[in-house]
Protein backbone atom coordinates (compact mmCIF):
# COMPACT_ATOMS: atom_id res chain seq x y z
CA MET A 1 105.16 100.70 66.34
CA ASP A 2 104.55 98.67 63.41
CA GLU A 3 108.26 99.18 62.29
CA LEU A 4 109.86 98.69 65.75
CA ALA A 5 107.45 95.60 66.00
CA GLY A 6 109.24 94.54 62.29
CA LEU A 7 112.29 93.86 63.96
CA TYR A 8 111.45 92.21 66.60
CA ASN A 9 113.03 88.51 65.44
CA LYS A 10 112.50 86.42 69.44
CA GLY A 11 116.05 84.41 70.07
CA ALA A 12 118.01 87.03 67.97
CA GLY A 13 120.61 88.86 68.91
CA ASP A 14 121.48 90.27 72.99
CA TRP A 15 117.52 91.88 73.18
CA ASN A 16 115.46 90.20 70.16
CA MET A 17 116.30 91.98 67.33
CA THR A 18 119.16 91.54 64.57
CA PRO A 19 122.47 91.89 66.14
CA LEU A 20 122.93 95.37 63.44
CA LEU A 21 121.37 97.47 66.23
CA LYS A 22 122.74 98.38 68.48
CA THR A 23 121.25 99.45 72.03
CA SER A 24 122.26 99.51 76.12
CA GLY A 25 118.17 98.92 76.82
CA TRP A 26 115.04 96.63 75.97
CA ALA A 27 113.13 99.07 75.27
CA VAL A 28 113.15 101.65 71.59
CA TRP A 29 110.57 104.57 71.77
CA SER A 30 108.96 106.07 69.20
CA GLY A 31 108.59 109.24 67.50
CA GLU A 32 104.01 108.88 67.85
CA THR A 33 103.64 111.72 71.09
CA GLU A 34 101.34 111.39 73.60
CA GLY A 35 100.68 114.94 75.05
CA SER A 36 103.49 116.92 76.01
CA SER A 37 105.53 114.63 77.94
CA GLY A 38 103.74 110.45 76.74
CA ALA A 39 105.10 108.10 73.73
CA TRP A 40 104.76 104.75 72.55
CA GLY A 41 107.69 102.61 73.05
CA PHE A 42 108.48 98.87 71.70
CA SER A 43 109.27 96.68 74.22
CA PHE A 44 112.25 93.95 72.88
CA LEU A 45 111.89 92.34 76.03
CA GLY A 46 108.31 91.18 75.35
CA GLY A 47 107.56 92.21 72.29
CA HIS A 48 104.71 94.56 72.91
CA ARG A 49 103.83 97.96 72.45
CA PHE A 50 103.48 100.67 75.53
CA TRP A 51 102.88 103.57 76.70
CA ASN A 52 105.22 106.05 79.45
CA ASP A 53 105.94 109.36 80.26
CA ARG A 54 109.16 109.79 78.00
CA TYR A 55 111.21 111.35 81.18
CA TYR A 56 111.67 107.58 82.01
CA SER A 57 114.93 106.46 80.17
CA ARG A 58 116.50 103.98 82.13
CA THR A 59 115.62 101.32 79.97
CA ALA A 60 114.17 103.27 77.09
CA ARG A 61 116.42 104.08 74.25
CA ALA A 62 115.72 105.67 70.67
CA PHE A 63 117.55 105.35 67.44
CA ALA A 64 118.32 108.13 65.35
CA VAL A 65 116.45 107.80 61.80
CA ARG A 66 115.83 109.20 58.60
CA SER A 67 113.56 109.76 55.87
CA ARG A 68 113.60 108.12 52.79
CA ASN A 69 113.48 111.58 50.88
CA ASP A 70 116.25 113.02 52.44
CA GLY A 71 118.51 111.24 49.79
């Protein structure tokens, strides 16, 4: 969540983030889950964290990332 919040840059690109990150939604899911169906996400529209069921994908997206240890 802190990494996603660190990408928030009000007024940058279409979604308040660097234009190098392309997404069709204004929210991004984090890897922080809660229970079997909930997860934390970050809203680039308003710059805040939120919790919701993971089935909600109309505006929420995920970025594919890998650990720095993956080489």
